[in-house]
């Protein structure tokens, strides 16, 4: 649970790259309502603040395109988005309501390989972003959160920079070409180790 003041601070400071692992109910189709951000509005969703927590922090690598709506990361409206797999994988688990953010802030790149090559050539940029992530975790205010990285690249960066401070678990990336059912199975298998 977080306070309304903490929620507002996080939304204001980090809302252009962060969000929470809460989504509207699936409709007829698996992708229905994935971009409905009303569930992340405490004026609309009266129970929201009780569900939000920082016990686990889900880490993406970076944004693939600019986030236009506060808390819209991981809640993509586009039909080609695969964010719906995260909703399906986490629904009904203790990871629902977790904080979600990217390791690399404000850097648009769709191809993770290009992102990783950029980081190899710009180590100071990586260090700056890790420092921003540490500050973000501090503002969140939960002690000893477990970091859960989407995909091998995010896990690699988290491990080389944060493994002395945090427990880090890797889960498959939600863009992997598998069914949502198989994705949930793989994610739950990895997260059962916590």
N, C-alpha and C. Protein backbone atom coordinates (compact mmCIF):
# COMPACT_ATOMS: atom_id res chain seq x y z
N UNK A 1 0.85 -1.18 0.00
CA UNK A 1 0.00 0.00 0.00
C UNK A 1 0.89 1.24 0.00
N UNK A 2 0.46 2.25 -0.72
CA UNK A 2 1.16 3.53 -0.69
C UNK A 2 0.16 4.65 -0.41
N UNK A 3 0.68 5.77 0.04
CA UNK A 3 -0.18 6.92 0.34
C UNK A 3 -0.52 7.66 -0.95
N UNK A 4 -1.54 8.48 -0.88
CA UNK A 4 -1.91 9.29 -2.04
C UNK A 4 -0.80 10.27 -2.38
N UNK A 5 -0.10 10.77 -1.37
CA UNK A 5 1.01 11.69 -1.63
C UNK A 5 2.15 10.99 -2.36
N UNK A 6 2.47 9.78 -1.95
CA UNK A 6 3.53 9.02 -2.61
C UNK A 6 3.11 8.68 -4.04
N UNK A 7 1.88 8.25 -4.19
CA UNK A 7 1.36 7.94 -5.52
C UNK A 7 1.48 9.17 -6.45
N UNK A 8 1.06 10.31 -5.96
CA UNK A 8 1.10 11.55 -6.76
C UNK A 8 2.53 11.93 -7.11
N UNK A 9 3.44 11.78 -6.15
CA UNK A 9 4.85 12.10 -6.41
C UNK A 9 5.42 11.20 -7.50
N UNK A 10 5.14 9.91 -7.39
CA UNK A 10 5.65 8.95 -8.37
C UNK A 10 5.06 9.23 -9.75
N UNK A 11 3.78 9.49 -9.80
CA UNK A 11 3.12 9.79 -11.08
C UNK A 11 3.73 11.04 -11.72
N UNK A 12 3.95 12.05 -10.91
CA UNK A 12 4.50 13.31 -11.41
C UNK A 12 5.95 13.18 -11.86
N UNK A 13 6.77 12.53 -11.04
CA UNK A 13 8.21 12.46 -11.33
C UNK A 13 8.57 11.39 -12.35
N UNK A 14 7.88 10.25 -12.30
CA UNK A 14 8.30 9.09 -13.09
C UNK A 14 7.23 8.58 -14.05
N UNK A 15 6.08 9.21 -14.10
CA UNK A 15 4.96 8.71 -14.88
C UNK A 15 5.21 8.62 -16.37
N UNK A 16 6.23 9.30 -16.89
CA UNK A 16 6.50 9.22 -18.33
C UNK A 16 7.33 7.99 -18.70
N UNK A 17 7.75 7.19 -17.71
CA UNK A 17 8.43 5.92 -18.03
C UNK A 17 8.07 4.79 -17.07
N UNK A 18 7.29 5.06 -16.04
CA UNK A 18 6.95 4.04 -15.05
C UNK A 18 5.44 3.80 -15.02
N UNK A 19 5.05 2.75 -14.33
CA UNK A 19 3.64 2.44 -14.15
C UNK A 19 3.49 1.42 -13.03
N UNK A 20 2.36 0.79 -12.99
CA UNK A 20 2.05 -0.22 -11.98
C UNK A 20 1.47 -1.45 -12.68
N UNK A 21 1.68 -2.60 -12.10
CA UNK A 21 1.21 -3.87 -12.66
C UNK A 21 -0.26 -4.10 -12.29
N UNK A 22 -1.09 -3.22 -12.80
CA UNK A 22 -2.54 -3.33 -12.65
C UNK A 22 -3.14 -2.92 -13.99
N UNK A 23 -4.05 -3.72 -14.46
CA UNK A 23 -4.71 -3.44 -15.74
C UNK A 23 -6.21 -3.65 -15.58
N UNK A 24 -6.95 -3.04 -16.48
CA UNK A 24 -8.39 -3.28 -16.54
C UNK A 24 -8.63 -4.73 -16.94
N UNK A 25 -9.81 -5.20 -16.66
CA UNK A 25 -10.17 -6.58 -17.01
C UNK A 25 -10.10 -6.80 -18.52
N UNK A 26 -9.71 -7.98 -18.88
CA UNK A 26 -9.70 -8.38 -20.29
C UNK A 26 -11.15 -8.40 -20.77
N UNK A 27 -11.35 -8.00 -22.00
CA UNK A 27 -12.69 -8.03 -22.58
C UNK A 27 -12.88 -9.30 -23.38
N UNK A 28 -13.51 -9.20 -24.52
CA UNK A 28 -13.74 -10.34 -25.40
C UNK A 28 -12.42 -10.86 -25.96
N UNK A 29 -11.54 -9.93 -26.32
CA UNK A 29 -10.24 -10.29 -26.89
C UNK A 29 -9.14 -10.09 -25.86
N UNK A 30 -8.04 -10.84 -25.97
CA UNK A 30 -6.96 -10.75 -24.97
C UNK A 30 -6.37 -9.35 -24.81
N UNK A 31 -6.39 -8.53 -25.86
CA UNK A 31 -5.79 -7.20 -25.78
C UNK A 31 -6.78 -6.12 -25.35
N UNK A 32 -8.04 -6.48 -25.20
CA UNK A 32 -9.05 -5.49 -24.83
C UNK A 32 -8.69 -4.83 -23.50
N UNK A 33 -8.87 -3.53 -23.45
CA UNK A 33 -8.73 -2.72 -22.23
C UNK A 33 -7.31 -2.62 -21.68
N UNK A 34 -6.32 -3.10 -22.41
CA UNK A 34 -4.95 -3.07 -21.89
C UNK A 34 -4.47 -1.64 -21.68
N UNK A 35 -4.96 -0.71 -22.48
CA UNK A 35 -4.54 0.68 -22.35
C UNK A 35 -5.46 1.54 -21.50
N UNK A 36 -6.43 0.92 -20.84
CA UNK A 36 -7.38 1.66 -20.00
C UNK A 36 -6.68 2.06 -18.69
N UNK A 37 -6.32 3.34 -18.59
CA UNK A 37 -5.58 3.81 -17.42
C UNK A 37 -6.50 4.27 -16.29
N UNK A 38 -7.80 4.15 -16.47
CA UNK A 38 -8.70 4.55 -15.38
C UNK A 38 -8.47 3.68 -14.14
N UNK A 39 -8.00 2.46 -14.32
CA UNK A 39 -7.72 1.59 -13.17
C UNK A 39 -6.56 2.10 -12.33
N UNK A 40 -5.75 3.01 -12.91
CA UNK A 40 -4.62 3.60 -12.20
C UNK A 40 -4.93 5.00 -11.68
N UNK A 41 -6.21 5.33 -11.62
CA UNK A 41 -6.66 6.61 -11.12
C UNK A 41 -7.36 6.37 -9.79
N UNK A 42 -6.78 6.84 -8.67
CA UNK A 42 -7.40 6.57 -7.37
C UNK A 42 -8.77 7.22 -7.20
N UNK A 43 -9.10 8.23 -8.03
CA UNK A 43 -10.44 8.83 -7.96
C UNK A 43 -11.49 7.93 -8.61
N UNK A 44 -11.05 7.05 -9.51
CA UNK A 44 -11.95 6.12 -10.20
C UNK A 44 -11.91 4.74 -9.54
N UNK A 45 -10.71 4.31 -9.19
CA UNK A 45 -10.49 2.99 -8.59
C UNK A 45 -10.21 3.19 -7.10
N UNK A 46 -11.25 3.11 -6.30
CA UNK A 46 -11.14 3.42 -4.86
C UNK A 46 -10.16 2.51 -4.12
N UNK A 47 -9.96 1.29 -4.58
CA UNK A 47 -9.07 0.36 -3.90
C UNK A 47 -7.64 0.37 -4.42
N UNK A 48 -7.33 1.28 -5.32
CA UNK A 48 -6.03 1.28 -5.99
C UNK A 48 -4.85 1.35 -5.03
N UNK A 49 -4.84 2.32 -4.14
CA UNK A 49 -3.67 2.54 -3.28
C UNK A 49 -3.37 1.34 -2.40
N UNK A 50 -4.39 0.57 -2.05
CA UNK A 50 -4.18 -0.64 -1.24
C UNK A 50 -3.51 -1.74 -2.03
N UNK A 51 -3.67 -1.71 -3.34
CA UNK A 51 -3.07 -2.75 -4.20
C UNK A 51 -1.64 -2.45 -4.60
N UNK A 52 -1.26 -1.17 -4.61
CA UNK A 52 0.06 -0.79 -5.09
C UNK A 52 1.14 -1.08 -4.06
N UNK A 53 2.28 -1.56 -4.56
CA UNK A 53 3.40 -1.83 -3.66
C UNK A 53 4.72 -1.82 -4.42
N UNK A 54 5.77 -1.78 -3.66
CA UNK A 54 7.12 -1.82 -4.23
C UNK A 54 7.91 -3.00 -3.73
N UNK A 55 7.23 -4.05 -3.30
CA UNK A 55 7.92 -5.26 -2.86
C UNK A 55 8.69 -5.89 -4.01
N UNK A 56 8.13 -5.75 -5.20
CA UNK A 56 8.76 -6.24 -6.43
C UNK A 56 8.76 -5.07 -7.42
N UNK A 57 9.84 -4.94 -8.14
CA UNK A 57 9.93 -3.92 -9.17
C UNK A 57 10.22 -4.62 -10.48
N UNK A 58 9.29 -4.49 -11.40
CA UNK A 58 9.42 -5.11 -12.73
C UNK A 58 10.18 -4.15 -13.63
N UNK A 59 11.26 -4.65 -14.25
CA UNK A 59 12.16 -3.82 -15.02
C UNK A 59 12.16 -4.17 -16.50
N UNK A 60 11.77 -3.21 -17.32
CA UNK A 60 11.99 -3.32 -18.75
C UNK A 60 13.36 -2.74 -19.08
N UNK A 61 13.78 -2.89 -20.31
CA UNK A 61 15.08 -2.36 -20.72
C UNK A 61 14.98 -0.86 -20.97
N UNK A 62 14.10 -0.46 -21.89
CA UNK A 62 13.91 0.94 -22.26
C UNK A 62 12.59 1.06 -23.01
N UNK A 63 12.15 2.28 -23.22
CA UNK A 63 10.92 2.48 -23.98
C UNK A 63 11.19 2.27 -25.47
N UNK A 64 10.22 1.75 -26.16
CA UNK A 64 10.37 1.60 -27.61
C UNK A 64 9.86 2.83 -28.34
N UNK A 65 9.05 3.61 -27.66
CA UNK A 65 8.58 4.88 -28.21
C UNK A 65 8.14 5.76 -27.05
N UNK A 66 8.01 7.04 -27.31
CA UNK A 66 7.65 8.01 -26.27
C UNK A 66 6.33 7.62 -25.61
N UNK A 67 6.29 7.75 -24.30
CA UNK A 67 5.07 7.47 -23.54
C UNK A 67 4.27 8.77 -23.47
N UNK A 68 3.10 8.76 -24.05
CA UNK A 68 2.29 9.98 -24.17
C UNK A 68 1.39 10.23 -22.96
N UNK A 69 1.06 9.17 -22.23
CA UNK A 69 0.13 9.32 -21.11
C UNK A 69 0.83 8.94 -19.81
N UNK A 70 0.70 9.75 -18.75
CA UNK A 70 1.32 9.38 -17.49
C UNK A 70 0.89 7.98 -17.06
N UNK A 71 1.85 7.18 -16.66
CA UNK A 71 1.68 5.79 -16.23
C UNK A 71 1.27 4.88 -17.39
N UNK A 72 1.49 5.32 -18.61
CA UNK A 72 1.10 4.54 -19.78
C UNK A 72 2.09 3.48 -20.21
N UNK A 73 3.30 3.47 -19.63
CA UNK A 73 4.25 2.43 -20.00
C UNK A 73 3.70 1.08 -19.55
N UNK A 74 3.90 0.08 -20.36
CA UNK A 74 3.40 -1.28 -20.11
C UNK A 74 1.86 -1.36 -20.22
N UNK A 75 1.23 -0.32 -20.72
CA UNK A 75 -0.22 -0.26 -20.93
C UNK A 75 -0.48 0.32 -22.32
N UNK A 76 0.16 -0.25 -23.30
CA UNK A 76 0.17 0.28 -24.66
C UNK A 76 -1.15 0.04 -25.38
N UNK A 77 -1.68 1.10 -25.97
CA UNK A 77 -2.94 1.02 -26.71
C UNK A 77 -2.81 0.38 -28.09
N UNK A 78 -1.60 0.36 -28.64
CA UNK A 78 -1.42 -0.10 -30.02
C UNK A 78 -1.75 -1.59 -30.16
N UNK A 79 -2.33 -1.94 -31.27
CA UNK A 79 -2.77 -3.33 -31.50
C UNK A 79 -1.60 -4.30 -31.57
N UNK A 80 -0.41 -3.83 -31.97
CA UNK A 80 0.74 -4.73 -32.06
C UNK A 80 1.44 -4.94 -30.72
N UNK A 81 1.01 -4.24 -29.70
CA UNK A 81 1.61 -4.36 -28.38
C UNK A 81 1.38 -5.75 -27.78
N UNK A 82 2.33 -6.19 -26.98
CA UNK A 82 2.19 -7.48 -26.30
C UNK A 82 2.10 -7.32 -24.78
N UNK A 83 1.79 -6.10 -24.32
CA UNK A 83 1.66 -5.84 -22.89
C UNK A 83 0.60 -6.72 -22.24
N UNK A 84 -0.38 -7.14 -23.02
CA UNK A 84 -1.47 -7.97 -22.49
C UNK A 84 -0.94 -9.27 -21.87
N UNK A 85 0.21 -9.74 -22.34
CA UNK A 85 0.77 -10.98 -21.77
C UNK A 85 1.21 -10.77 -20.32
N UNK A 86 1.67 -9.56 -20.01
CA UNK A 86 2.06 -9.29 -18.62
C UNK A 86 0.82 -9.36 -17.73
N UNK A 87 -0.25 -8.73 -18.18
CA UNK A 87 -1.50 -8.77 -17.41
C UNK A 87 -1.92 -10.21 -17.16
N UNK A 88 -1.90 -11.00 -18.21
CA UNK A 88 -2.33 -12.39 -18.09
C UNK A 88 -1.42 -13.17 -17.15
N UNK A 89 -0.12 -12.92 -17.22
CA UNK A 89 0.84 -13.66 -16.40
C UNK A 89 0.75 -13.30 -14.93
N UNK A 90 0.45 -12.06 -14.61
CA UNK A 90 0.50 -11.61 -13.22
C UNK A 90 -0.84 -11.61 -12.50
N UNK A 91 -1.92 -11.68 -13.25
CA UNK A 91 -3.25 -11.62 -12.62
C UNK A 91 -3.41 -12.73 -11.58
N UNK A 92 -3.88 -12.32 -10.41
CA UNK A 92 -4.12 -13.29 -9.34
C UNK A 92 -2.87 -13.71 -8.59
N UNK A 93 -1.75 -13.05 -8.85
CA UNK A 93 -0.51 -13.38 -8.15
C UNK A 93 -0.13 -12.24 -7.20
N UNK A 94 0.83 -12.47 -6.36
CA UNK A 94 1.29 -11.43 -5.42
C UNK A 94 2.10 -10.34 -6.12
N UNK A 95 2.34 -10.53 -7.41
CA UNK A 95 3.09 -9.54 -8.18
C UNK A 95 2.17 -8.48 -8.78
N UNK A 96 0.87 -8.73 -8.74
CA UNK A 96 -0.12 -7.76 -9.19
C UNK A 96 0.00 -6.52 -8.30
N UNK A 97 0.07 -5.36 -8.87
CA UNK A 97 0.22 -4.13 -8.09
C UNK A 97 1.66 -3.68 -7.92
N UNK A 98 2.61 -4.47 -8.44
CA UNK A 98 4.03 -4.12 -8.34
C UNK A 98 4.35 -2.88 -9.16
N UNK A 99 5.41 -2.23 -8.78
CA UNK A 99 5.91 -1.07 -9.51
C UNK A 99 6.61 -1.55 -10.78
N UNK A 100 6.47 -0.78 -11.86
CA UNK A 100 7.07 -1.14 -13.14
C UNK A 100 7.83 0.07 -13.69
N UNK A 101 9.03 -0.17 -14.19
CA UNK A 101 9.82 0.91 -14.77
C UNK A 101 10.83 0.34 -15.74
N UNK A 102 11.57 1.22 -16.39
CA UNK A 102 12.64 0.81 -17.29
C UNK A 102 13.99 1.11 -16.65
N UNK A 103 14.97 0.31 -16.96
CA UNK A 103 16.33 0.56 -16.47
C UNK A 103 16.90 1.80 -17.14
N UNK A 104 16.75 1.89 -18.44
CA UNK A 104 17.25 3.03 -19.21
C UNK A 104 16.07 3.98 -19.42
N UNK A 105 16.22 5.21 -18.98
CA UNK A 105 15.14 6.19 -19.01
C UNK A 105 15.20 7.05 -20.27
N UNK A 106 14.05 7.39 -20.78
CA UNK A 106 13.92 8.40 -21.84
C UNK A 106 14.79 8.13 -23.06
N UNK A 107 14.95 6.88 -23.43
CA UNK A 107 15.76 6.53 -24.60
C UNK A 107 14.93 5.60 -25.46
N UNK A 108 14.44 6.12 -26.56
CA UNK A 108 13.58 5.34 -27.45
C UNK A 108 14.42 4.47 -28.37
N UNK A 109 14.19 3.17 -28.30
CA UNK A 109 14.87 2.23 -29.20
C UNK A 109 14.07 0.94 -29.20
N UNK A 110 13.62 0.53 -30.38
CA UNK A 110 12.82 -0.69 -30.49
C UNK A 110 13.67 -1.96 -30.46
N UNK A 111 14.89 -1.88 -30.99
CA UNK A 111 15.75 -3.07 -31.09
C UNK A 111 16.68 -3.14 -29.88
N UNK A 112 16.50 -4.17 -29.07
CA UNK A 112 17.32 -4.30 -27.87
C UNK A 112 18.81 -4.46 -28.20
N UNK A 113 19.12 -5.08 -29.32
CA UNK A 113 20.51 -5.22 -29.73
C UNK A 113 21.19 -3.88 -29.94
N UNK A 114 20.48 -2.95 -30.56
CA UNK A 114 21.03 -1.60 -30.75
C UNK A 114 21.19 -0.89 -29.41
N UNK A 115 20.23 -1.10 -28.53
CA UNK A 115 20.32 -0.50 -27.19
C UNK A 115 21.56 -1.02 -26.47
N UNK A 116 21.77 -2.32 -26.52
CA UNK A 116 22.91 -2.92 -25.83
C UNK A 116 24.23 -2.45 -26.45
N UNK A 117 24.28 -2.31 -27.77
CA UNK A 117 25.49 -1.79 -28.42
C UNK A 117 25.76 -0.35 -28.00
N UNK A 118 24.71 0.44 -27.91
CA UNK A 118 24.87 1.83 -27.46
C UNK A 118 25.45 1.86 -26.05
N UNK A 119 24.96 1.00 -25.19
CA UNK A 119 25.44 0.99 -23.80
C UNK A 119 26.91 0.56 -23.72
N UNK A 120 27.31 -0.37 -24.57
CA UNK A 120 28.72 -0.79 -24.60
C UNK A 120 29.63 0.39 -24.93
N UNK A 121 29.16 1.23 -25.80
CA UNK A 121 29.97 2.37 -26.25
C UNK A 121 29.78 3.60 -25.35
N UNK A 122 28.83 3.55 -24.46
CA UNK A 122 28.51 4.71 -23.61
C UNK A 122 28.29 4.26 -22.16
N UNK A 123 29.35 3.77 -21.55
CA UNK A 123 29.24 3.23 -20.20
C UNK A 123 28.77 4.26 -19.18
N UNK A 124 29.19 5.52 -19.37
CA UNK A 124 28.77 6.58 -18.45
C UNK A 124 27.25 6.77 -18.51
N UNK A 125 26.67 6.63 -19.70
CA UNK A 125 25.22 6.74 -19.86
C UNK A 125 24.52 5.65 -19.06
N UNK A 126 25.04 4.44 -19.13
CA UNK A 126 24.46 3.34 -18.34
C UNK A 126 24.55 3.65 -16.86
N UNK A 127 25.69 4.10 -16.39
CA UNK A 127 25.86 4.41 -14.96
C UNK A 127 24.89 5.51 -14.52
N UNK A 128 24.71 6.53 -15.36
CA UNK A 128 23.77 7.61 -15.04
C UNK A 128 22.35 7.06 -14.89
N UNK A 129 21.97 6.16 -15.77
CA UNK A 129 20.62 5.59 -15.70
C UNK A 129 20.45 4.67 -14.51
N UNK A 130 21.48 3.96 -14.15
CA UNK A 130 21.42 3.11 -12.95
C UNK A 130 21.25 3.99 -11.71
N UNK A 131 21.94 5.12 -11.69
CA UNK A 131 21.79 6.05 -10.57
C UNK A 131 20.37 6.59 -10.52
N UNK A 132 19.79 6.91 -11.67
CA UNK A 132 18.39 7.37 -11.71
C UNK A 132 17.46 6.28 -11.18
N UNK A 133 17.73 5.03 -11.54
CA UNK A 133 16.91 3.92 -11.07
C UNK A 133 17.03 3.78 -9.55
N UNK A 134 18.24 3.90 -9.03
CA UNK A 134 18.41 3.83 -7.57
C UNK A 134 17.60 4.93 -6.88
N UNK A 135 17.64 6.13 -7.42
CA UNK A 135 16.88 7.25 -6.85
C UNK A 135 15.38 6.97 -6.91
N UNK A 136 14.95 6.40 -8.02
CA UNK A 136 13.54 6.05 -8.19
C UNK A 136 13.11 5.02 -7.14
N UNK A 137 13.95 4.02 -6.92
CA UNK A 137 13.65 2.99 -5.92
C UNK A 137 13.60 3.61 -4.53
N UNK A 138 14.51 4.55 -4.26
CA UNK A 138 14.52 5.23 -2.97
C UNK A 138 13.24 6.04 -2.76
N UNK A 139 12.79 6.75 -3.78
CA UNK A 139 11.55 7.52 -3.69
C UNK A 139 10.37 6.58 -3.46
N UNK A 140 10.38 5.44 -4.10
CA UNK A 140 9.30 4.47 -3.93
C UNK A 140 9.16 4.09 -2.46
N UNK A 141 10.30 3.94 -1.77
CA UNK A 141 10.27 3.82 -0.33
C UNK A 141 10.02 2.45 0.27
N UNK A 142 10.19 1.39 -0.49
CA UNK A 142 10.04 0.04 0.06
C UNK A 142 11.43 -0.55 0.29
N UNK A 143 11.63 -1.15 1.43
CA UNK A 143 12.96 -1.70 1.72
C UNK A 143 13.12 -3.06 1.07
N UNK A 144 14.30 -3.28 0.53
CA UNK A 144 14.69 -4.56 -0.08
C UNK A 144 13.73 -5.08 -1.15
N UNK A 145 13.37 -4.26 -2.11
CA UNK A 145 12.51 -4.81 -3.17
C UNK A 145 13.28 -5.83 -4.01
N UNK A 146 12.57 -6.78 -4.55
CA UNK A 146 13.16 -7.75 -5.46
C UNK A 146 12.95 -7.23 -6.87
N UNK A 147 14.03 -7.21 -7.65
CA UNK A 147 13.97 -6.72 -9.01
C UNK A 147 13.68 -7.88 -9.95
N UNK A 148 12.70 -7.70 -10.82
CA UNK A 148 12.30 -8.73 -11.78
C UNK A 148 12.48 -8.15 -13.17
N UNK A 149 13.45 -8.68 -13.89
CA UNK A 149 13.83 -8.12 -15.19
C UNK A 149 13.16 -8.87 -16.33
N UNK A 150 12.56 -8.10 -17.24
CA UNK A 150 11.97 -8.67 -18.45
C UNK A 150 13.07 -8.90 -19.48
N UNK A 151 13.35 -10.14 -19.78
CA UNK A 151 14.30 -10.46 -20.84
C UNK A 151 15.75 -10.49 -20.39
N UNK A 152 16.57 -11.11 -21.23
CA UNK A 152 17.98 -11.33 -20.89
C UNK A 152 18.77 -10.04 -20.81
N UNK A 153 18.50 -9.08 -21.68
CA UNK A 153 19.28 -7.85 -21.68
C UNK A 153 19.04 -7.03 -20.42
N UNK A 154 17.79 -6.87 -20.04
CA UNK A 154 17.48 -6.14 -18.81
C UNK A 154 18.10 -6.84 -17.60
N UNK A 155 18.04 -8.15 -17.59
CA UNK A 155 18.64 -8.89 -16.47
C UNK A 155 20.15 -8.71 -16.46
N UNK A 156 20.78 -8.73 -17.61
CA UNK A 156 22.22 -8.56 -17.69
C UNK A 156 22.64 -7.20 -17.12
N UNK A 157 21.94 -6.15 -17.50
CA UNK A 157 22.28 -4.82 -17.00
C UNK A 157 22.02 -4.72 -15.50
N UNK A 158 20.89 -5.26 -15.05
CA UNK A 158 20.58 -5.24 -13.62
C UNK A 158 21.65 -6.01 -12.84
N UNK A 159 22.03 -7.18 -13.32
CA UNK A 159 23.03 -7.98 -12.61
C UNK A 159 24.37 -7.27 -12.51
N UNK A 160 24.83 -6.68 -13.60
CA UNK A 160 26.16 -6.08 -13.55
C UNK A 160 26.21 -4.79 -12.75
N UNK A 161 25.06 -4.19 -12.47
CA UNK A 161 25.05 -2.92 -11.74
C UNK A 161 24.42 -2.99 -10.35
N UNK A 162 23.53 -3.95 -10.13
CA UNK A 162 22.71 -3.91 -8.91
C UNK A 162 22.70 -5.20 -8.10
N UNK A 163 23.43 -6.21 -8.54
CA UNK A 163 23.34 -7.52 -7.87
C UNK A 163 23.90 -7.52 -6.44
N UNK A 164 24.72 -6.56 -6.10
CA UNK A 164 25.23 -6.49 -4.72
C UNK A 164 24.23 -5.84 -3.78
N UNK A 165 23.24 -5.16 -4.36
CA UNK A 165 22.26 -4.44 -3.55
C UNK A 165 20.89 -5.12 -3.50
N UNK A 166 20.54 -5.83 -4.57
CA UNK A 166 19.19 -6.37 -4.70
C UNK A 166 19.22 -7.81 -5.20
N UNK A 167 18.18 -8.55 -4.82
CA UNK A 167 17.96 -9.85 -5.44
C UNK A 167 17.34 -9.57 -6.81
N UNK A 168 17.85 -10.26 -7.84
CA UNK A 168 17.38 -10.03 -9.21
C UNK A 168 16.91 -11.35 -9.80
N UNK A 169 15.72 -11.34 -10.33
CA UNK A 169 15.15 -12.52 -10.99
C UNK A 169 14.87 -12.13 -12.44
N UNK A 170 15.19 -13.01 -13.36
CA UNK A 170 14.86 -12.77 -14.76
C UNK A 170 13.65 -13.57 -15.18
N UNK A 171 12.79 -12.94 -15.95
CA UNK A 171 11.65 -13.63 -16.54
C UNK A 171 11.69 -13.38 -18.04
N UNK A 172 11.04 -14.23 -18.82
CA UNK A 172 11.03 -14.01 -20.27
C UNK A 172 10.43 -12.66 -20.62
N UNK A 173 10.86 -12.13 -21.74
CA UNK A 173 10.28 -10.87 -22.21
C UNK A 173 8.89 -11.13 -22.78
N UNK A 174 7.98 -10.24 -22.54
CA UNK A 174 6.59 -10.40 -22.96
C UNK A 174 6.42 -10.29 -24.48
N UNK A 175 7.44 -9.82 -25.18
CA UNK A 175 7.35 -9.76 -26.65
C UNK A 175 7.76 -11.08 -27.30
N UNK A 176 8.24 -12.03 -26.50
CA UNK A 176 8.59 -13.35 -27.06
C UNK A 176 7.38 -13.93 -27.79
N UNK A 177 7.66 -14.59 -28.87
CA UNK A 177 6.58 -15.13 -29.71
C UNK A 177 6.07 -16.45 -29.14
N UNK A 178 5.26 -16.33 -28.09
CA UNK A 178 4.61 -17.49 -27.47
C UNK A 178 3.21 -17.06 -27.04
N UNK A 179 2.37 -18.03 -26.77
CA UNK A 179 1.01 -17.71 -26.34
C UNK A 179 1.03 -17.09 -24.94
N UNK A 180 -0.03 -16.40 -24.61
CA UNK A 180 -0.13 -15.81 -23.28
C UNK A 180 -0.15 -16.90 -22.20
N UNK A 181 -0.74 -18.04 -22.52
CA UNK A 181 -0.79 -19.15 -21.56
C UNK A 181 0.61 -19.70 -21.29
N UNK A 182 1.38 -19.88 -22.35
CA UNK A 182 2.75 -20.38 -22.21
C UNK A 182 3.62 -19.34 -21.50
N UNK A 183 3.37 -18.07 -21.81
CA UNK A 183 4.13 -17.01 -21.15
C UNK A 183 3.86 -17.02 -19.64
N UNK A 184 2.60 -17.13 -19.26
CA UNK A 184 2.27 -17.18 -17.81
C UNK A 184 2.95 -18.38 -17.16
N UNK A 185 2.91 -19.49 -17.82
CA UNK A 185 3.54 -20.70 -17.28
C UNK A 185 5.04 -20.46 -17.02
N UNK A 186 5.72 -19.87 -17.99
CA UNK A 186 7.16 -19.62 -17.85
C UNK A 186 7.44 -18.58 -16.77
N UNK A 187 6.65 -17.51 -16.74
CA UNK A 187 6.84 -16.46 -15.73
C UNK A 187 6.60 -17.02 -14.34
N UNK A 188 5.52 -17.74 -14.16
CA UNK A 188 5.21 -18.29 -12.83
C UNK A 188 6.28 -19.28 -12.37
N UNK A 189 6.85 -20.04 -13.29
CA UNK A 189 7.92 -20.97 -12.94
C UNK A 189 9.13 -20.21 -12.41
N UNK A 190 9.49 -19.11 -13.08
CA UNK A 190 10.64 -18.31 -12.62
C UNK A 190 10.34 -17.62 -11.30
N UNK A 191 9.16 -17.06 -11.18
CA UNK A 191 8.82 -16.31 -9.98
C UNK A 191 8.57 -17.20 -8.77
N UNK A 192 8.33 -18.46 -8.98
CA UNK A 192 8.13 -19.39 -7.84
C UNK A 192 9.41 -19.56 -7.03
N UNK A 193 10.53 -19.14 -7.58
CA UNK A 193 11.81 -19.24 -6.87
C UNK A 193 11.95 -18.17 -5.78
N UNK A 194 11.07 -17.19 -5.80
CA UNK A 194 11.15 -16.11 -4.81
C UNK A 194 10.52 -16.58 -3.51
